[in-house]
Amino acid sequence: MAPVQEKADSVYDFLYVDLSRIQLFNSQFSQYGHITELTRSTMTSSSSGGGMDVKIVKAEAFEEESTKIQKRYDTQFVAPLSFLDHAQNMIVRDLSKAGIGQFVLIS
């Protein structure tokens, strides 16, 4: 199960992000691969009805209403943040010590 991210009061700005490489690495951290879409659904439903039963006539009336809201989120923008959470030991924090192909995080 993935760790729950707390809501942060700051945002990140990335100078360069190699999304295909980060998605490749992220796919190795999960047994199901890289998440490409996140869907959140909310559904509300209500119904009402009534009836009348007389020995000769039987009458019923029902009303039903349903609402469904579905949101789809593009996860490509979460991929760099997810990678930063999972790969702390793979990230070089000093540009002068970084080699070709290494991940660099500079503040």
PDB file of N, CA and C in Angstrom:
ATOM      1  N   MET A   1       0.837  -1.169   0.000  1.00  0.00           N
ATOM      2  CA  MET A   1       0.000   0.000   0.000  1.00  0.00           C
ATOM      3  C   MET A   1       0.888   1.241   0.000  1.00  0.00           C
ATOM      4  N   ALA A   2       0.569   2.215  -0.818  1.00  0.00           N
ATOM      5  CA  ALA A   2       1.361   3.431  -0.933  1.00  0.00           C
ATOM      6  C   ALA A   2       1.178   4.303   0.300  1.00  0.00           C
ATOM      7  N   PRO A   3       2.240   5.034   0.684  1.00  0.00           N
ATOM      8  CA  PRO A   3       2.102   5.915   1.840  1.00  0.00           C
ATOM      9  C   PRO A   3       1.142   7.054   1.536  1.00  0.00           C
ATOM     10  N   VAL A   4       0.438   7.494   2.546  1.00  0.00           N
ATOM     11  CA  VAL A   4      -0.516   8.582   2.390  1.00  0.00           C
ATOM     12  C   VAL A   4       0.240   9.902   2.436  1.00  0.00           C
ATOM     13  N   GLN A   5       0.031  10.718   1.414  1.00  0.00           N
ATOM     14  CA  GLN A   5       0.706  12.004   1.379  1.00  0.00           C
ATOM     15  C   GLN A   5      -0.092  13.028   2.169  1.00  0.00           C
ATOM     16  N   GLU A   6       0.629  13.774   2.999  1.00  0.00           N
ATOM     17  CA  GLU A   6      -0.025  14.849   3.725  1.00  0.00           C
ATOM     18  C   GLU A   6      -0.087  16.072   2.824  1.00  0.00           C
ATOM     19  N   LYS A   7      -1.068  16.896   3.072  1.00  0.00           N
ATOM     20  CA  LYS A   7      -1.228  18.109   2.284  1.00  0.00           C
ATOM     21  C   LYS A   7      -0.131  19.094   2.688  1.00  0.00           C
ATOM     22  N   ALA A   8       0.630  19.556   1.715  1.00  0.00           N
ATOM     23  CA  ALA A   8       1.734  20.476   1.982  1.00  0.00           C
ATOM     24  C   ALA A   8       1.309  21.903   1.661  1.00  0.00           C
ATOM     25  N   ASP A   9       1.960  22.839   2.324  1.00  0.00           N
ATOM     26  CA  ASP A   9       1.672  24.250   2.093  1.00  0.00           C
ATOM     27  C   ASP A   9       2.611  24.868   1.067  1.00  0.00           C
ATOM     28  N   SER A  10       3.426  24.055   0.411  1.00  0.00           N
ATOM     29  CA  SER A  10       4.340  24.582  -0.584  1.00  0.00           C
ATOM     30  C   SER A  10       4.194  23.781  -1.875  1.00  0.00           C
ATOM     31  N   VAL A  11       4.690  24.348  -2.952  1.00  0.00           N
ATOM     32  CA  VAL A  11       4.663  23.677  -4.246  1.00  0.00           C
ATOM     33  C   VAL A  11       6.088  23.576  -4.767  1.00  0.00           C
ATOM     34  N   TYR A  12       6.295  22.668  -5.718  1.00  0.00           N
ATOM     35  CA  TYR A  12       7.617  22.457  -6.295  1.00  0.00           C
ATOM     36  C   TYR A  12       7.643  22.973  -7.713  1.00  0.00           C
ATOM     37  N   ASP A  13       8.804  23.435  -8.136  1.00  0.00           N
ATOM     38  CA  ASP A  13       9.013  23.849  -9.508  1.00  0.00           C
ATOM     39  C   ASP A  13      10.170  23.009 -10.045  1.00  0.00           C
ATOM     40  N   PHE A  14       9.969  22.338 -11.171  1.00  0.00           N
ATOM     41  CA  PHE A  14      10.983  21.461 -11.728  1.00  0.00           C
ATOM     42  C   PHE A  14      11.580  22.115 -12.955  1.00  0.00           C
ATOM     43  N   LEU A  15      12.914  22.223 -12.974  1.00  0.00           N
ATOM     44  CA  LEU A  15      13.618  22.775 -14.117  1.00  0.00           C
ATOM     45  C   LEU A  15      13.523  21.820 -15.308  1.00  0.00           C
ATOM     46  N   TYR A  16      13.738  20.545 -15.042  1.00  0.00           N
ATOM     47  CA  TYR A  16      13.657  19.532 -16.085  1.00  0.00           C
ATOM     48  C   TYR A  16      13.154  18.243 -15.450  1.00  0.00           C
ATOM     49  N   VAL A  17      12.204  17.606 -16.089  1.00  0.00           N
ATOM     50  CA  VAL A  17      11.675  16.335 -15.614  1.00  0.00           C
ATOM     51  C   VAL A  17      11.627  15.380 -16.800  1.00  0.00           C
ATOM     52  N   ASP A  18      12.325  14.261 -16.679  1.00  0.00           N
ATOM     53  CA  ASP A  18      12.283  13.215 -17.695  1.00  0.00           C
ATOM     54  C   ASP A  18      11.152  12.265 -17.296  1.00  0.00           C
ATOM     55  N   LEU A  19       9.926  12.572 -17.737  1.00  0.00           N
ATOM     56  CA  LEU A  19       8.748  11.824 -17.296  1.00  0.00           C
ATOM     57  C   LEU A  19       8.812  10.346 -17.634  1.00  0.00           C
ATOM     58  N   SER A  20       9.277  10.009 -18.819  1.00  0.00           N
ATOM     59  CA  SER A  20       9.306   8.588 -19.184  1.00  0.00           C
ATOM     60  C   SER A  20      10.280   7.815 -18.300  1.00  0.00           C
ATOM     61  N   ARG A  21      11.389   8.406 -17.935  1.00  0.00           N
ATOM     62  CA  ARG A  21      12.339   7.734 -17.050  1.00  0.00           C
ATOM     63  C   ARG A  21      11.774   7.635 -15.625  1.00  0.00           C
ATOM     64  N   ILE A  22      11.164   8.684 -15.152  1.00  0.00           N
ATOM     65  CA  ILE A  22      10.570   8.656 -13.806  1.00  0.00           C
ATOM     66  C   ILE A  22       9.428   7.649 -13.742  1.00  0.00           C
ATOM     67  N   GLN A  23       8.615   7.573 -14.789  1.00  0.00           N
ATOM     68  CA  GLN A  23       7.531   6.591 -14.813  1.00  0.00           C
ATOM     69  C   GLN A  23       8.076   5.171 -14.834  1.00  0.00           C
ATOM     70  N   LEU A  24       9.206   4.963 -15.519  1.00  0.00           N
ATOM     71  CA  LEU A  24       9.845   3.649 -15.528  1.00  0.00           C
ATOM     72  C   LEU A  24      10.291   3.264 -14.122  1.00  0.00           C
ATOM     73  N   PHE A  25      10.917   4.185 -13.405  1.00  0.00           N
ATOM     74  CA  PHE A  25      11.343   3.904 -12.039  1.00  0.00           C
ATOM     75  C   PHE A  25      10.146   3.727 -11.105  1.00  0.00           C
ATOM     76  N   ASN A  26       9.139   4.565 -11.241  1.00  0.00           N
ATOM     77  CA  ASN A  26       7.951   4.449 -10.386  1.00  0.00           C
ATOM     78  C   ASN A  26       7.250   3.105 -10.585  1.00  0.00           C
ATOM     79  N   SER A  27       7.288   2.580 -11.798  1.00  0.00           N
ATOM     80  CA  SER A  27       6.626   1.299 -12.058  1.00  0.00           C
ATOM     81  C   SER A  27       7.302   0.165 -11.294  1.00  0.00           C
ATOM     82  N   GLN A  28       8.553   0.337 -10.919  1.00  0.00           N
ATOM     83  CA  GLN A  28       9.264  -0.689 -10.173  1.00  0.00           C
ATOM     84  C   GLN A  28       8.973  -0.630  -8.670  1.00  0.00           C
ATOM     85  N   PHE A  29       8.411   0.462  -8.189  1.00  0.00           N
ATOM     86  CA  PHE A  29       8.093   0.600  -6.771  1.00  0.00           C
ATOM     87  C   PHE A  29       6.733   0.010  -6.418  1.00  0.00           C
ATOM     88  N   SER A  30       5.911  -0.278  -7.414  1.00  0.00           N
ATOM     89  CA  SER A  30       4.577  -0.816  -7.185  1.00  0.00           C
ATOM     90  C   SER A  30       4.444  -2.162  -7.890  1.00  0.00           C
ATOM     91  N   GLN A  31       3.754  -3.089  -7.276  1.00  0.00           N
ATOM     92  CA  GLN A  31       3.578  -4.395  -7.912  1.00  0.00           C
ATOM     93  C   GLN A  31       2.655  -4.323  -9.119  1.00  0.00           C
ATOM     94  N   TYR A  32       1.884  -3.245  -9.255  1.00  0.00           N
ATOM     95  CA  TYR A  32       0.944  -3.112 -10.364  1.00  0.00           C
ATOM     96  C   TYR A  32       1.467  -2.219 -11.486  1.00  0.00           C
ATOM     97  N   GLY A  33       2.654  -1.673 -11.356  1.00  0.00           N
ATOM     98  CA  GLY A  33       3.197  -0.808 -12.392  1.00  0.00           C
ATOM     99  C   GLY A  33       2.915   0.655 -12.122  1.00  0.00           C
ATOM    100  N   HIS A  34       3.139   1.465 -13.119  1.00  0.00           N
ATOM    101  CA  HIS A  34       2.949   2.912 -12.995  1.00  0.00           C
ATOM    102  C   HIS A  34       1.480   3.277 -13.180  1.00  0.00           C
ATOM    103  N   ILE A  35       0.950   4.092 -12.300  1.00  0.00           N
ATOM    104  CA  ILE A  35      -0.447   4.536 -12.394  1.00  0.00           C
ATOM    105  C   ILE A  35      -0.550   5.592 -13.489  1.00  0.00           C
ATOM    106  N   THR A  36      -1.469   5.380 -14.420  1.00  0.00           N
ATOM    107  CA  THR A  36      -1.637   6.332 -15.521  1.00  0.00           C
ATOM    108  C   THR A  36      -2.899   7.160 -15.384  1.00  0.00           C
ATOM    109  N   GLU A  37      -3.808   6.741 -14.532  1.00  0.00           N
ATOM    110  CA  GLU A  37      -5.053   7.483 -14.353  1.00  0.00           C
ATOM    111  C   GLU A  37      -5.617   7.193 -12.971  1.00  0.00           C
ATOM    112  N   LEU A  38      -6.143   8.213 -12.359  1.00  0.00           N
ATOM    113  CA  LEU A  38      -6.786   8.071 -11.064  1.00  0.00           C
ATOM    114  C   LEU A  38      -8.210   8.575 -11.213  1.00  0.00           C
ATOM    115  N   THR A  39      -9.173   7.754 -10.851  1.00  0.00           N
ATOM    116  CA  THR A  39     -10.581   8.100 -10.991  1.00  0.00           C
ATOM    117  C   THR A  39     -11.216   8.131  -9.617  1.00  0.00           C
ATOM    118  N   ARG A  40     -11.987   9.165  -9.368  1.00  0.00           N
ATOM    119  CA  ARG A  40     -12.721   9.293  -8.116  1.00  0.00           C
ATOM    120  C   ARG A  40     -14.193   9.425  -8.465  1.00  0.00           C
ATOM    121  N   SER A  41     -15.012   8.566  -7.887  1.00  0.00           N
ATOM    122  CA  SER A  41     -16.439   8.573  -8.194  1.00  0.00           C
ATOM    123  C   SER A  41     -17.240   8.850  -6.939  1.00  0.00           C
ATOM    124  N   THR A  42     -18.299   9.593  -7.106  1.00  0.00           N
ATOM    125  CA  THR A  42     -19.250   9.859  -6.042  1.00  0.00           C
ATOM    126  C   THR A  42     -20.638   9.614  -6.603  1.00  0.00           C
ATOM    127  N   MET A  43     -21.445   8.870  -5.876  1.00  0.00           N
ATOM    128  CA  MET A  43     -22.787   8.589  -6.349  1.00  0.00           C
ATOM    129  C   MET A  43     -23.765   8.793  -5.211  1.00  0.00           C
ATOM    130  N   THR A  44     -24.825   9.509  -5.493  1.00  0.00           N
ATOM    131  CA  THR A  44     -25.889   9.690  -4.522  1.00  0.00           C
ATOM    132  C   THR A  44     -27.175   9.152  -5.130  1.00  0.00           C
ATOM    133  N   SER A  45     -27.991   8.577  -4.297  1.00  0.00           N
ATOM    134  CA  SER A  45     -29.225   7.981  -4.783  1.00  0.00           C
ATOM    135  C   SER A  45     -30.316   8.197  -3.750  1.00  0.00           C
ATOM    136  N   SER A  46     -31.492   8.437  -4.228  1.00  0.00           N
ATOM    137  CA  SER A  46     -32.629   8.556  -3.324  1.00  0.00           C
ATOM    138  C   SER A  46     -33.854   7.965  -4.005  1.00  0.00           C
ATOM    139  N   SER A  47     -34.711   7.410  -3.205  1.00  0.00           N
ATOM    140  CA  SER A  47     -35.948   6.881  -3.762  1.00  0.00           C
ATOM    141  C   SER A  47     -37.062   7.087  -2.746  1.00  0.00           C
ATOM    142  N   SER A  48     -38.240   7.190  -3.273  1.00  0.00           N
ATOM    143  CA  SER A  48     -39.413   7.315  -2.413  1.00  0.00           C
ATOM    144  C   SER A  48     -40.550   6.538  -3.053  1.00  0.00           C
ATOM    145  N   GLY A  49     -41.464   6.135  -2.258  1.00  0.00           N
ATOM    146  CA  GLY A  49     -42.569   5.363  -2.812  1.00  0.00           C
ATOM    147  C   GLY A  49     -43.723   5.302  -1.843  1.00  0.00           C
ATOM    148  N   GLY A  50     -44.769   4.777  -2.322  1.00  0.00           N
ATOM    149  CA  GLY A  50     -45.956   4.643  -1.485  1.00  0.00           C
ATOM    150  C   GLY A  50     -46.891   3.630  -2.107  1.00  0.00           C
ATOM    151  N   GLY A  51     -47.839   3.233  -1.357  1.00  0.00           N
ATOM    152  CA  GLY A  51     -48.773   2.258  -1.895  1.00  0.00           C
ATOM    153  C   GLY A  51     -50.088   2.299  -1.137  1.00  0.00           C
ATOM    154  N   MET A  52     -51.078   1.746  -1.781  1.00  0.00           N
ATOM    155  CA  MET A  52     -52.396   1.672  -1.180  1.00  0.00           C
ATOM    156  C   MET A  52     -52.971   0.310  -1.550  1.00  0.00           C
ATOM    157  N   ASP A  53     -53.433  -0.379  -0.572  1.00  0.00           N
ATOM    158  CA  ASP A  53     -53.946  -1.713  -0.827  1.00  0.00           C
ATOM    159  C   ASP A  53     -55.385  -1.779  -0.327  1.00  0.00           C
ATOM    160  N   VAL A  54     -56.275  -1.845  -1.256  1.00  0.00           N
ATOM    161  CA  VAL A  54     -57.690  -2.042  -0.947  1.00  0.00           C
ATOM    162  C   VAL A  54     -58.035  -3.429  -1.474  1.00  0.00           C
ATOM    163  N   LYS A  55     -58.991  -4.080  -0.898  1.00  0.00           N
ATOM    164  CA  LYS A  55     -59.267  -5.473  -1.261  1.00  0.00           C
ATOM    165  C   LYS A  55     -59.523  -5.666  -2.755  1.00  0.00           C
ATOM    166  N   ILE A  56     -59.982  -4.638  -3.443  1.00  0.00           N
ATOM    167  CA  ILE A  56     -60.281  -4.789  -4.870  1.00  0.00           C
ATOM    168  C   ILE A  56     -59.157  -4.185  -5.714  1.00  0.00           C
ATOM    169  N   VAL A  57     -58.625  -3.026  -5.310  1.00  0.00           N
ATOM    170  CA  VAL A  57     -57.648  -2.294  -6.119  1.00  0.00           C
ATOM    171  C   VAL A  57     -56.337  -2.177  -5.352  1.00  0.00           C
ATOM    172  N   LYS A  58     -55.269  -2.361  -6.069  1.00  0.00           N
ATOM    173  CA  LYS A  58     -53.955  -2.165  -5.472  1.00  0.00           C
ATOM    174  C   LYS A  58     -53.212  -1.143  -6.335  1.00  0.00           C
ATOM    175  N   ALA A  59     -52.742  -0.064  -5.719  1.00  0.00           N
ATOM    176  CA  ALA A  59     -52.041   0.992  -6.450  1.00  0.00           C
ATOM    177  C   ALA A  59     -50.697   1.261  -5.780  1.00  0.00           C
ATOM    178  N   GLU A  60     -49.658   1.440  -6.588  1.00  0.00           N
ATOM    179  CA  GLU A  60     -48.327   1.760  -6.073  1.00  0.00           C
ATOM    180  C   GLU A  60     -47.719   2.861  -6.938  1.00  0.00           C
ATOM    181  N   ALA A  61     -46.935   3.685  -6.302  1.00  0.00           N
ATOM    182  CA  ALA A  61     -46.216   4.731  -7.018  1.00  0.00           C
ATOM    183  C   ALA A  61     -44.812   4.836  -6.438  1.00  0.00           C
ATOM    184  N   PHE A  62     -43.795   4.833  -7.292  1.00  0.00           N
ATOM    185  CA  PHE A  62     -42.408   4.945  -6.852  1.00  0.00           C
ATOM    186  C   PHE A  62     -41.696   6.006  -7.663  1.00  0.00           C
ATOM    187  N   GLU A  63     -40.776   6.672  -7.016  1.00  0.00           N
ATOM    188  CA  GLU A  63     -39.957   7.687  -7.654  1.00  0.00           C
ATOM    189  C   GLU A  63     -38.509   7.389  -7.316  1.00  0.00           C
ATOM    190  N   GLU A  64     -37.610   7.485  -8.275  1.00  0.00           N
ATOM    191  CA  GLU A  64     -36.202   7.217  -8.015  1.00  0.00           C
ATOM    192  C   GLU A  64     -35.351   8.266  -8.714  1.00  0.00           C
ATOM    193  N   GLU A  65     -34.318   8.723  -8.031  1.00  0.00           N
ATOM    194  CA  GLU A  65     -33.427   9.738  -8.579  1.00  0.00           C
ATOM    195  C   GLU A  65     -31.996   9.320  -8.281  1.00  0.00           C
ATOM    196  N   SER A  66     -31.111   9.482  -9.253  1.00  0.00           N
ATOM    197  CA  SER A  66     -29.724   9.079  -9.074  1.00  0.00           C
ATOM    198  C   SER A  66     -28.805  10.112  -9.706  1.00  0.00           C
ATOM    199  N   THR A  67     -27.722  10.426  -9.033  1.00  0.00           N
ATOM    200  CA  THR A  67     -26.730  11.366  -9.543  1.00  0.00           C
ATOM    201  C   THR A  67     -25.352  10.735  -9.399  1.00  0.00           C
ATOM    202  N   LYS A  68     -24.535  10.821 -10.441  1.00  0.00           N
ATOM    203  CA  LYS A  68     -23.186  10.272 -10.380  1.00  0.00           C
ATOM    204  C   LYS A  68     -22.205  11.326 -10.866  1.00  0.00           C
ATOM    205  N   ILE A  69     -21.175  11.550 -10.082  1.00  0.00           N
ATOM    206  CA  ILE A  69     -20.113  12.486 -10.440  1.00  0.00           C
ATOM    207  C   ILE A  69     -18.824  11.689 -10.537  1.00  0.00           C
ATOM    208  N   GLN A  70     -18.129  11.823 -11.640  1.00  0.00           N
ATOM    209  CA  GLN A  70     -16.876  11.103 -11.827  1.00  0.00           C
ATOM    210  C   GLN A  70     -15.796  12.089 -12.235  1.00  0.00           C
ATOM    211  N   LYS A  71     -14.663  12.058 -11.522  1.00  0.00           N
ATOM    212  CA  LYS A  71     -13.537  12.934 -11.828  1.00  0.00           C
ATOM    213  C   LYS A  71     -12.344  12.080 -12.197  1.00  0.00           C
ATOM    214  N   ARG A  72     -11.641  12.483 -13.230  1.00  0.00           N
ATOM    215  CA  ARG A  72     -10.421  11.776 -13.646  1.00  0.00           C
ATOM    216  C   ARG A  72      -9.249  12.728 -13.494  1.00  0.00           C
ATOM    217  N   TYR A  73      -8.198  12.229 -12.863  1.00  0.00           N
ATOM    218  CA  TYR A  73      -7.011  13.035 -12.600  1.00  0.00           C
ATOM    219  C   TYR A  73      -5.848  12.548 -13.455  1.00  0.00           C
ATOM    220  N   ASP A  74      -5.106  13.482 -14.028  1.00  0.00           N
ATOM    221  CA  ASP A  74      -3.917  13.163 -14.800  1.00  0.00           C
ATOM    222  C   ASP A  74      -2.763  12.971 -13.815  1.00  0.00           C
ATOM    223  N   THR A  75      -2.215  11.772 -13.755  1.00  0.00           N
ATOM    224  CA  THR A  75      -1.204  11.464 -12.748  1.00  0.00           C
ATOM    225  C   THR A  75       0.224  11.782 -13.187  1.00  0.00           C
ATOM    226  N   GLN A  76       0.426  12.268 -14.402  1.00  0.00           N
ATOM    227  CA  GLN A  76       1.793  12.538 -14.849  1.00  0.00           C
ATOM    228  C   GLN A  76       2.452  13.640 -14.027  1.00  0.00           C
ATOM    229  N   PHE A  77       1.663  14.528 -13.444  1.00  0.00           N
ATOM    230  CA  PHE A  77       2.229  15.607 -12.651  1.00  0.00           C
ATOM    231  C   PHE A  77       2.554  15.167 -11.228  1.00  0.00           C
ATOM    232  N   VAL A  78       2.024  14.025 -10.817  1.00  0.00           N
ATOM    233  CA  VAL A  78       2.309  13.475  -9.491  1.00  0.00           C
ATOM    234  C   VAL A  78       3.540  12.569  -9.544  1.00  0.00           C
ATOM    235  N   ALA A  79       3.910  12.102 -10.729  1.00  0.00           N
ATOM    236  CA  ALA A  79       5.013  11.160 -10.888  1.00  0.00           C
ATOM    237  C   ALA A  79       6.333  11.677 -10.303  1.00  0.00           C
ATOM    238  N   PRO A  80       6.757  12.919 -10.560  1.00  0.00           N
ATOM    239  CA  PRO A  80       8.014  13.379  -9.957  1.00  0.00           C
ATOM    240  C   PRO A  80       7.962  13.413  -8.432  1.00  0.00           C
ATOM    241  N   LEU A  81       6.841  13.805  -7.868  1.00  0.00           N
ATOM    242  CA  LEU A  81       6.716  13.851  -6.403  1.00  0.00           C
ATOM    243  C   LEU A  81       6.703  12.452  -5.809  1.00  0.00           C
ATOM    244  N   SER A  82       6.045  11.530  -6.480  1.00  0.00           N
ATOM    245  CA  SER A  82       6.030  10.144  -6.036  1.00  0.00           C
ATOM    246  C   SER A  82       7.437   9.552  -6.089  1.00  0.00           C
ATOM    247  N   PHE A  83       8.170   9.887  -7.142  1.00  0.00           N
ATOM    248  CA  PHE A  83       9.543   9.412  -7.259  1.00  0.00           C
ATOM    249  C   PHE A  83      10.408   9.960  -6.130  1.00  0.00           C
ATOM    250  N   LEU A  84      10.258  11.233  -5.812  1.00  0.00           N
ATOM    251  CA  LEU A  84      11.044  11.829  -4.723  1.00  0.00           C
ATOM    252  C   LEU A  84      10.760  11.130  -3.399  1.00  0.00           C
ATOM    253  N   ASP A  85       9.518  10.701  -3.194  1.00  0.00           N
ATOM    254  CA  ASP A  85       9.166   9.986  -1.963  1.00  0.00           C
ATOM    255  C   ASP A  85       9.813   8.603  -1.902  1.00  0.00           C
ATOM    256  N   HIS A  86       9.868   7.897  -3.027  1.00  0.00           N
ATOM    257  CA  HIS A  86      10.338   6.510  -3.037  1.00  0.00           C
ATOM    258  C   HIS A  86      11.849   6.352  -3.200  1.00  0.00           C
ATOM    259  N   ALA A  87      12.497   7.279  -3.845  1.00  0.00           N
ATOM    260  CA  ALA A  87      13.890   7.073  -4.246  1.00  0.00           C
ATOM    261  C   ALA A  87      14.862   8.032  -3.565  1.00  0.00           C
ATOM    262  N   GLN A  88      14.707   8.236  -2.278  1.00  0.00           N
ATOM    263  CA  GLN A  88      15.580   9.176  -1.574  1.00  0.00           C
ATOM    264  C   GLN A  88      17.058   8.780  -1.662  1.00  0.00           C
ATOM    265  N   ASN A  89      17.368   7.487  -1.634  1.00  0.00           N
ATOM    266  CA  ASN A  89      18.771   7.062  -1.668  1.00  0.00           C
ATOM    267  C   ASN A  89      19.371   7.083  -3.069  1.00  0.00           C
ATOM    268  N   MET A  90      18.569   7.344  -4.106  1.00  0.00           N
ATOM    269  CA  MET A  90      19.072   7.390  -5.475  1.00  0.00           C
ATOM    270  C   MET A  90      19.326   8.819  -5.951  1.00  0.00           C
ATOM    271  N   ILE A  91      19.002   9.799  -5.130  1.00  0.00           N
ATOM    272  CA  ILE A  91      19.059  11.193  -5.545  1.00  0.00           C
ATOM    273  C   ILE A  91      20.348  11.842  -5.035  1.00  0.00           C
ATOM    274  N   VAL A  92      21.069  12.490  -5.942  1.00  0.00           N
ATOM    275  CA  VAL A  92      22.282  13.233  -5.590  1.00  0.00           C
ATOM    276  C   VAL A  92      21.878  14.675  -5.336  1.00  0.00           C
ATOM    277  N   ARG A  93      22.360  15.235  -4.237  1.00  0.00           N
ATOM    278  CA  ARG A  93      21.974  16.597  -3.863  1.00  0.00           C
ATOM    279  C   ARG A  93      23.059  17.635  -4.151  1.00  0.00           C
ATOM    280  N   ASP A  94      24.147  17.213  -4.746  1.00  0.00           N
ATOM    281  CA  ASP A  94      25.237  18.130  -5.102  1.00  0.00           C
ATOM    282  C   ASP A  94      25.534  17.957  -6.587  1.00  0.00           C
ATOM    283  N   LEU A  95      25.315  19.000  -7.367  1.00  0.00           N
ATOM    284  CA  LEU A  95      25.471  18.924  -8.815  1.00  0.00           C
ATOM    285  C   LEU A  95      26.901  18.572  -9.220  1.00  0.00           C
ATOM    286  N   SER A  96      27.882  19.038  -8.471  1.00  0.00           N
ATOM    287  CA  SER A  96      29.285  18.759  -8.828  1.00  0.00           C
ATOM    288  C   SER A  96      29.656  17.292  -8.620  1.00  0.00           C
ATOM    289  N   LYS A  97      28.901  16.567  -7.801  1.00  0.00           N
ATOM    290  CA  LYS A  97      29.176  15.153  -7.547  1.00  0.00           C
ATOM    291  C   LYS A  97      28.308  14.215  -8.390  1.00  0.00           C
ATOM    292  N   ALA A  98      27.407  14.762  -9.178  1.00  0.00           N
ATOM    293  CA  ALA A  98      26.488  13.948  -9.966  1.00  0.00           C
ATOM    294  C   ALA A  98      27.151  13.457 -11.239  1.00  0.00           C
ATOM    295  N   GLY A  99      26.857  12.215 -11.573  1.00  0.00           N
ATOM    296  CA  GLY A  99      27.356  11.646 -12.820  1.00  0.00           C
ATOM    297  C   GLY A  99      26.277  11.689 -13.890  1.00  0.00           C
ATOM    298  N   ILE A 100      26.649  11.250 -15.080  1.00  0.00           N
ATOM    299  CA  ILE A 100      25.705  11.229 -16.188  1.00  0.00           C
ATOM    300  C   ILE A 100      24.608  10.215 -15.879  1.00  0.00           C
ATOM    301  N   GLY A 101      23.358  10.611 -16.049  1.00  0.00           N
ATOM    302  CA  GLY A 101      22.228   9.729 -15.836  1.00  0.00           C
ATOM    303  C   GLY A 101      21.716   9.668 -14.402  1.00  0.00           C
ATOM    304  N   GLN A 102      22.372  10.373 -13.477  1.00  0.00           N
ATOM    305  CA  GLN A 102      21.906  10.359 -12.090  1.00  0.00           C
ATOM    306  C   GLN A 102      20.833  11.419 -11.881  1.00  0.00           C
ATOM    307  N   PHE A 103      20.008  11.183 -10.877  1.00  0.00           N
ATOM    308  CA  PHE A 103      18.966  12.130 -10.516  1.00  0.00           C
ATOM    309  C   PHE A 103      19.552  13.168  -9.564  1.00  0.00           C
ATOM    310  N   VAL A 104      19.287  14.443  -9.861  1.00  0.00           N
ATOM    311  CA  VAL A 104      19.847  15.536  -9.072  1.00  0.00           C
ATOM    312  C   VAL A 104      18.713  16.375  -8.521  1.00  0.00           C
ATOM    313  N   LEU A 105      18.800  16.681  -7.227  1.00  0.00           N
ATOM    314  CA  LEU A 105      17.822  17.544  -6.566  1.00  0.00           C
ATOM    315  C   LEU A 105      18.573  18.742  -6.008  1.00  0.00           C
ATOM    316  N   ILE A 106      18.248  19.920  -6.504  1.00  0.00           N
ATOM    317  CA  ILE A 106      18.925  21.143  -6.090  1.00  0.00           C
ATOM    318  C   ILE A 106      17.891  22.107  -5.522  1.00  0.00           C
ATOM    319  N   SER A 107      18.194  22.684  -4.396  1.00  0.00           N
ATOM    320  CA  SER A 107      17.294  23.685  -3.780  1.00  0.00           C
ATOM    321  C   SER A 107      17.749  25.071  -4.165  1.00  0.00           C
TER     322      SER A 107
END
